[in-house]
Structure formats: structure tokens, C-alpha cells
C-alpha atoms as a PDB file:
ATOM      1  CA  UNK A   1     -41.164  36.876 -47.916  1.00  0.00           C
ATOM      2  CA  UNK A   2     -38.577  35.942 -45.609  1.00  0.00           C
ATOM      3  CA  UNK A   3     -37.606  36.894 -42.114  1.00  0.00           C
ATOM      4  CA  UNK A   4     -34.194  37.062 -41.043  1.00  0.00           C
ATOM      5  CA  UNK A   5     -33.456  37.321 -37.561  1.00  0.00           C
ATOM      6  CA  UNK A   6     -31.105  40.028 -36.208  1.00  0.00           C
ATOM      7  CA  UNK A   7     -28.803  40.439 -32.970  1.00  0.00           C
ATOM      8  CA  UNK A   8     -31.851  41.234 -31.361  1.00  0.00           C
ATOM      9  CA  UNK A   9     -34.724  38.894 -32.061  1.00  0.00           C
ATOM     10  CA  UNK A  10     -37.704  41.198 -32.193  1.00  0.00           C
ATOM     11  CA  UNK A  11     -35.951  43.258 -34.872  1.00  0.00           C
ATOM     12  CA  UNK A  12     -36.197  41.457 -38.274  1.00  0.00           C
ATOM     13  CA  UNK A  13     -34.791  41.847 -41.783  1.00  0.00           C
ATOM     14  CA  UNK A  14     -37.495  40.971 -44.403  1.00  0.00           C
ATOM     15  CA  UNK A  15     -36.678  39.826 -47.787  1.00  0.00           C
ATOM     16  CA  UNK A  16     -39.431  39.978 -50.309  1.00  0.00           C
ATOM     17  CA  UNK A  17     -39.808  37.801 -53.214  1.00  0.00           C
ATOM     18  CA  UNK A  18     -38.569  39.861 -56.218  1.00  0.00           C
ATOM     19  CA  UNK A  19     -39.695  39.105 -59.778  1.00  0.00           C
ATOM     20  CA  UNK A  20     -37.434  40.224 -62.331  1.00  0.00           C
ATOM     21  CA  UNK A  21     -36.688  40.658 -66.190  1.00  0.00           C
ATOM     22  CA  UNK A  22     -35.092  42.772 -68.728  1.00  0.00           C
ATOM     23  CA  UNK A  23     -38.523  45.041 -68.228  1.00  0.00           C
ATOM     24  CA  UNK A  24     -37.661  45.347 -64.904  1.00  0.00           C
ATOM     25  CA  UNK A  25     -39.022  43.710 -61.600  1.00  0.00           C
ATOM     26  CA  UNK A  26     -41.932  43.584 -59.396  1.00  0.00           C
ATOM     27  CA  UNK A  27     -42.586  42.681 -55.913  1.00  0.00           C
ATOM     28  CA  UNK A  28     -45.200  42.974 -52.993  1.00  0.00           C
ATOM     29  CA  UNK A  29     -43.571  45.353 -50.803  1.00  0.00           C
ATOM     30  CA  UNK A  30     -46.449  44.440 -48.117  1.00  0.00           C
ATOM     31  CA  UNK A  31     -48.945  41.826 -47.884  1.00  0.00           C
ATOM     32  CA  UNK A  32     -50.034  41.208 -44.631  1.00  0.00           C
ATOM     33  CA  UNK A  33     -50.854  37.387 -44.648  1.00  0.00           C
ATOM     34  CA  UNK A  34     -46.977  36.932 -46.281  1.00  0.00           C
ATOM     35  CA  UNK A  35     -46.084  39.464 -43.445  1.00  0.00           C
ATOM     36  CA  UNK A  36     -47.936  37.265 -40.983  1.00  0.00           C
ATOM     37  CA  UNK A  37     -46.694  34.152 -41.986  1.00  0.00           C
ATOM     38  CA  UNK A  38     -42.806  35.075 -42.312  1.00  0.00           C
ATOM     39  CA  UNK A  39     -42.995  36.856 -38.792  1.00  0.00           C
ATOM     40  CA  UNK A  40     -45.774  35.201 -36.702  1.00  0.00           C
ATOM     41  CA  UNK A  41     -46.818  38.886 -35.834  1.00  0.00           C
ATOM     42  CA  UNK A  42     -50.535  40.178 -36.442  1.00  0.00           C
ATOM     43  CA  UNK A  43     -50.381  43.856 -36.552  1.00  0.00           C
ATOM     44  CA  UNK A  44     -52.388  46.596 -38.001  1.00  0.00           C
ATOM     45  CA  UNK A  45     -50.599  49.515 -39.882  1.00  0.00           C
ATOM     46  CA  UNK A  46     -52.298  52.477 -39.681  1.00  0.00           C
ATOM     47  CA  UNK A  47     -49.892  55.228 -41.479  1.00  0.00           C
ATOM     48  CA  UNK A  48     -47.462  55.513 -44.295  1.00  0.00           C
ATOM     49  CA  UNK A  49     -44.766  58.082 -44.222  1.00  0.00           C
ATOM     50  CA  UNK A  50     -42.518  59.274 -46.888  1.00  0.00           C
ATOM     51  CA  UNK A  51     -39.256  61.039 -46.341  1.00  0.00           C
ATOM     52  CA  UNK A  52     -36.359  62.148 -48.515  1.00  0.00           C
ATOM     53  CA  UNK A  53     -33.132  63.221 -47.596  1.00  0.00           C
ATOM     54  CA  UNK A  54     -29.527  64.307 -48.722  1.00  0.00           C
ATOM     55  CA  UNK A  55     -26.548  62.321 -48.235  1.00  0.00           C
ATOM     56  CA  UNK A  56     -25.013  62.579 -44.668  1.00  0.00           C
ATOM     57  CA  UNK A  57     -28.512  63.436 -43.118  1.00  0.00           C
ATOM     58  CA  UNK A  58     -29.228  61.357 -39.725  1.00  0.00           C
ATOM     59  CA  UNK A  59     -32.595  61.391 -38.649  1.00  0.00           C
ATOM     60  CA  UNK A  60     -33.331  59.725 -34.949  1.00  0.00           C
ATOM     61  CA  UNK A  61     -33.078  57.847 -32.564  1.00  0.00           C
ATOM     62  CA  UNK A  62     -36.942  58.522 -32.440  1.00  0.00           C
ATOM     63  CA  UNK A  63     -39.848  56.765 -30.427  1.00  0.00           C
ATOM     64  CA  UNK A  64     -43.101  57.553 -28.972  1.00  0.00           C
ATOM     65  CA  UNK A  65     -43.958  56.987 -25.229  1.00  0.00           C
ATOM     66  CA  UNK A  66     -47.473  56.858 -25.768  1.00  0.00           C
ATOM     67  CA  UNK A  67     -48.962  55.375 -28.980  1.00  0.00           C
ATOM     68  CA  UNK A  68     -45.755  53.691 -29.400  1.00  0.00           C
ATOM     69  CA  UNK A  69     -45.321  52.943 -33.232  1.00  0.00           C
ATOM     70  CA  UNK A  70     -43.862  49.608 -34.842  1.00  0.00           C
ATOM     71  CA  UNK A  71     -42.468  50.176 -38.021  1.00  0.00           C
ATOM     72  CA  UNK A  72     -42.085  48.557 -41.381  1.00  0.00           C
ATOM     73  CA  UNK A  73     -39.179  50.421 -43.268  1.00  0.00           C
ATOM     74  CA  UNK A  74     -37.769  50.567 -46.581  1.00  0.00           C
ATOM     75  CA  UNK A  75     -35.741  52.346 -49.173  1.00  0.00           C
ATOM     76  CA  UNK A  76     -37.101  52.727 -52.388  1.00  0.00           C
ATOM     77  CA  UNK A  77     -34.216  55.017 -53.820  1.00  0.00           C
ATOM     78  CA  UNK A  78     -30.889  55.385 -52.680  1.00  0.00           C
ATOM     79  CA  UNK A  79     -29.352  53.757 -49.602  1.00  0.00           C
ATOM     80  CA  UNK A  80     -29.610  54.248 -45.593  1.00  0.00           C
ATOM     81  CA  UNK A  81     -27.921  52.782 -42.584  1.00  0.00           C
ATOM     82  CA  UNK A  82     -31.084  52.071 -40.525  1.00  0.00           C
ATOM     83  CA  UNK A  83     -30.746  51.369 -36.614  1.00  0.00           C
ATOM     84  CA  UNK A  84     -33.003  50.188 -33.935  1.00  0.00           C
ATOM     85  CA  UNK A  85     -31.884  50.827 -30.169  1.00  0.00           C
ATOM     86  CA  UNK A  86     -34.091  48.866 -27.396  1.00  0.00           C
ATOM     87  CA  UNK A  87     -35.587  51.051 -25.164  1.00  0.00           C
ATOM     88  CA  UNK A  88     -37.687  48.818 -23.072  1.00  0.00           C
ATOM     89  CA  UNK A  89     -35.842  48.788 -19.733  1.00  0.00           C
ATOM     90  CA  UNK A  90     -37.310  45.281 -18.548  1.00  0.00           C
ATOM     91  CA  UNK A  91     -35.458  43.919 -21.862  1.00  0.00           C
ATOM     92  CA  UNK A  92     -32.660  41.640 -21.781  1.00  0.00           C
ATOM     93  CA  UNK A  93     -31.456  43.657 -24.743  1.00  0.00           C
ATOM     94  CA  UNK A  94     -31.964  47.102 -23.463  1.00  0.00           C
ATOM     95  CA  UNK A  95     -29.692  49.469 -24.781  1.00  0.00           C
ATOM     96  CA  UNK A  96     -28.433  47.379 -27.357  1.00  0.00           C
ATOM     97  CA  UNK A  97     -28.745  48.465 -31.196  1.00  0.00           C
ATOM     98  CA  UNK A  98     -28.856  46.744 -34.447  1.00  0.00           C
ATOM     99  CA  UNK A  99     -28.059  48.376 -37.917  1.00  0.00           C
ATOM    100  CA  UNK A 100     -28.701  47.144 -41.514  1.00  0.00           C
ATOM    101  CA  UNK A 101     -28.287  48.760 -44.905  1.00  0.00           C
ATOM    102  CA  UNK A 102     -31.450  49.280 -46.654  1.00  0.00           C
ATOM    103  CA  UNK A 103     -31.310  50.391 -50.326  1.00  0.00           C
ATOM    104  CA  UNK A 104     -33.326  50.216 -53.231  1.00  0.00           C
ATOM    105  CA  UNK A 105     -30.903  47.510 -54.704  1.00  0.00           C
ATOM    106  CA  UNK A 106     -31.149  45.247 -52.061  1.00  0.00           C
ATOM    107  CA  UNK A 107     -34.798  45.865 -51.395  1.00  0.00           C
ATOM    108  CA  UNK A 108     -34.815  44.915 -47.871  1.00  0.00           C
ATOM    109  CA  UNK A 109     -37.337  46.167 -45.388  1.00  0.00           C
ATOM    110  CA  UNK A 110     -36.739  46.083 -41.558  1.00  0.00           C
ATOM    111  CA  UNK A 111     -39.479  45.713 -38.546  1.00  0.00           C
ATOM    112  CA  UNK A 112     -39.002  47.863 -35.840  1.00  0.00           C
ATOM    113  CA  UNK A 113     -41.210  46.956 -32.945  1.00  0.00           C
ATOM    114  CA  UNK A 114     -42.606  49.291 -30.663  1.00  0.00           C
ATOM    115  CA  UNK A 115     -40.397  49.923 -27.800  1.00  0.00           C
ATOM    116  CA  UNK A 116     -37.623  50.743 -30.129  1.00  0.00           C
ATOM    117  CA  UNK A 117     -35.574  53.903 -30.878  1.00  0.00           C
ATOM    118  CA  UNK A 118     -35.351  54.116 -34.653  1.00  0.00           C
ATOM    119  CA  UNK A 119     -32.999  56.281 -36.846  1.00  0.00           C
ATOM    120  CA  UNK A 120     -31.048  56.110 -40.100  1.00  0.00           C
ATOM    121  CA  UNK A 121     -28.352  57.813 -41.790  1.00  0.00           C
ATOM    122  CA  UNK A 122     -28.477  58.713 -45.777  1.00  0.00           C
ATOM    123  CA  UNK A 123     -25.395  56.821 -47.360  1.00  0.00           C
ATOM    124  CA  UNK A 124     -26.301  57.716 -50.963  1.00  0.00           C
ATOM    125  CA  UNK A 125     -26.644  61.167 -52.809  1.00  0.00           C
ATOM    126  CA  UNK A 126     -30.082  61.138 -51.360  1.00  0.00           C
ATOM    127  CA  UNK A 127     -32.756  58.521 -50.499  1.00  0.00           C
ATOM    128  CA  UNK A 128     -36.430  58.029 -50.244  1.00  0.00           C
ATOM    129  CA  UNK A 129     -37.443  56.264 -47.235  1.00  0.00           C
ATOM    130  CA  UNK A 130     -40.979  54.739 -46.540  1.00  0.00           C
ATOM    131  CA  UNK A 131     -42.382  53.482 -43.342  1.00  0.00           C
ATOM    132  CA  UNK A 132     -45.614  51.971 -41.926  1.00  0.00           C
ATOM    133  CA  UNK A 133     -46.526  52.424 -38.658  1.00  0.00           C
ATOM    134  CA  UNK A 134     -48.988  50.507 -36.403  1.00  0.00           C
ATOM    135  CA  UNK A 135     -50.213  54.011 -34.442  1.00  0.00           C
ATOM    136  CA  UNK A 136     -50.504  57.577 -35.850  1.00  0.00           C
ATOM    137  CA  UNK A 137     -47.777  60.072 -35.058  1.00  0.00           C
ATOM    138  CA  UNK A 138     -48.446  62.028 -31.701  1.00  0.00           C
ATOM    139  CA  UNK A 139     -45.439  64.643 -31.637  1.00  0.00           C
ATOM    140  CA  UNK A 140     -46.210  65.445 -27.869  1.00  0.00           C
ATOM    141  CA  UNK A 141     -45.475  61.988 -26.939  1.00  0.00           C
ATOM    142  CA  UNK A 142     -42.274  61.664 -29.132  1.00  0.00           C
ATOM    143  CA  UNK A 143     -38.801  61.401 -27.734  1.00  0.00           C
ATOM    144  CA  UNK A 144     -35.268  61.431 -28.954  1.00  0.00           C
ATOM    145  CA  UNK A 145     -32.086  59.660 -27.664  1.00  0.00           C
ATOM    146  CA  UNK A 146     -28.919  61.223 -28.637  1.00  0.00           C
ATOM    147  CA  UNK A 147     -27.500  59.307 -32.276  1.00  0.00           C
ATOM    148  CA  UNK A 148     -24.023  59.819 -30.897  1.00  0.00           C
ATOM    149  CA  UNK A 149     -24.383  58.422 -27.087  1.00  0.00           C
ATOM    150  CA  UNK A 150     -21.328  56.559 -26.236  1.00  0.00           C
ATOM    151  CA  UNK A 151     -23.296  54.050 -23.790  1.00  0.00           C
ATOM    152  CA  UNK A 152     -24.742  52.647 -26.969  1.00  0.00           C
ATOM    153  CA  UNK A 153     -22.079  53.097 -28.982  1.00  0.00           C
ATOM    154  CA  UNK A 154     -23.829  52.993 -32.551  1.00  0.00           C
ATOM    155  CA  UNK A 155     -20.803  52.743 -35.369  1.00  0.00           C
ATOM    156  CA  UNK A 156     -22.497  54.928 -38.151  1.00  0.00           C
ATOM    157  CA  UNK A 157     -20.783  54.399 -41.425  1.00  0.00           C
ATOM    158  CA  UNK A 158     -20.191  58.604 -41.072  1.00  0.00           C
ATOM    159  CA  UNK A 159     -18.023  60.361 -43.856  1.00  0.00           C
ATOM    160  CA  UNK A 160     -17.702  63.744 -41.738  1.00  0.00           C
ATOM    161  CA  UNK A 161     -20.551  65.378 -39.263  1.00  0.00           C
ATOM    162  CA  UNK A 162     -24.165  64.105 -39.788  1.00  0.00           C
ATOM    163  CA  UNK A 163     -26.696  66.725 -40.881  1.00  0.00           C
ATOM    164  CA  UNK A 164     -29.004  67.006 -37.882  1.00  0.00           C
ATOM    165  CA  UNK A 165     -32.535  68.720 -37.608  1.00  0.00           C
ATOM    166  CA  UNK A 166     -32.777  70.861 -34.404  1.00  0.00           C
ATOM    167  CA  UNK A 167     -35.098  68.306 -32.799  1.00  0.00           C
ATOM    168  CA  UNK A 168     -32.306  65.670 -33.265  1.00  0.00           C
ATOM    169  CA  UNK A 169     -29.838  67.872 -31.963  1.00  0.00           C
ATOM    170  CA  UNK A 170     -31.804  67.952 -28.821  1.00  0.00           C
ATOM    171  CA  UNK A 171     -31.660  64.276 -28.289  1.00  0.00           C
ATOM    172  CA  UNK A 172     -30.645  63.292 -24.618  1.00  0.00           C
ATOM    173  CA  UNK A 173     -28.451  60.305 -23.242  1.00  0.00           C
ATOM    174  CA  UNK A 174     -29.980  56.752 -23.050  1.00  0.00           C
ATOM    175  CA  UNK A 175     -29.457  57.314 -19.309  1.00  0.00           C
ATOM    176  CA  UNK A 176     -31.393  60.190 -18.860  1.00  0.00           C
ATOM    177  CA  UNK A 177     -34.478  59.420 -21.472  1.00  0.00           C
ATOM    178  CA  UNK A 178     -37.919  58.427 -20.279  1.00  0.00           C
ATOM    179  CA  UNK A 179     -38.149  54.852 -21.629  1.00  0.00           C
ATOM    180  CA  UNK A 180     -40.765  51.921 -21.505  1.00  0.00           C
ATOM    181  CA  UNK A 181     -41.006  49.853 -18.293  1.00  0.00           C
END
């Protein structure tokens, strides 16, 4: 596994070693020892999630104030544009974002640490999105920042209006959001 830095040093792109031949491919999507060696991080994942979404669905930007979750995310079918936004007020990169394509063909993963809002846009007909989390889902502590907050300025690769859940339609601008100290 190789860790590739992004414009925000705490967010990492991970590329697993893929072994392929005429039969298909094999790779370890997660190995605690390889993850620690590549990233320098010792994390404990407690929950795995799987979502399927259609083209144009935008999920996010979500985070939990209490029970904050680090997330290791990847796509096993289709492709998404995945985004992490720094919502740690004391961070020098507060309010900045990074975006990366995750797909079944590039087999990349993204490490999104606790303290970041996270979201993605489905860019294929549909996508199966998997994520490991370092804490349990706690809906009472979940917050949502507006996906289109001009103060953040995420450059989503949109082809028309995104499909949003009712919850995501209620996202607030970063300036009004509860954030980490």
C-alpha cells in the first residue's frame, strides 16, 4: 500500500498493491499493519458501511461533532468524486477542501480523518461506496454543511442539479456550522 499526500496533509490517497492477470485481480483492501506503515497512523475501525447511489446523487457534507469518525472510503462499483473539508477551527487549513476521483478502475482509497466533513458525488450510472469508520454512527451528533457553500467553493463535476436527500438539502454554510475547536 502506498500513501499519497493531498493538498491537505492529513487527508491521504491510498493505493493498494493490485495483483492481476487474465483471471481478474486480487488486493488487500485493508490490512492494519500495511495501513499503519503507509500512513504512520494507528487507528481502530469499528464499523463498515456500504451505500449504493445513482448518477448525480450527492451525499454530504457530513461529520459528527461528538463521536467524530475517521473514514477510510473506496468505491467497488462505478465512480464518485469524493471530497473532504477541514472543519477544525484551529487548523491552518480550516475551510479548505480536497477532492479526488475514486472508482472501481483506479481502486484508490481515501483516508478522511476525524475533524473533516465528507461527501461524494456519483459520476457513473451508479456506484457502490464502502467506508470503514473509527467510531459508531451517532445521528444525534451528525452535522451537515451545505454542499454548495460558496465560502468553501468545491468544484463538483456536476452535469445538472445534484440529487440530494432532505437532510442534505438542510445543510448550513460553514460560517453558521458547529465545528471542531
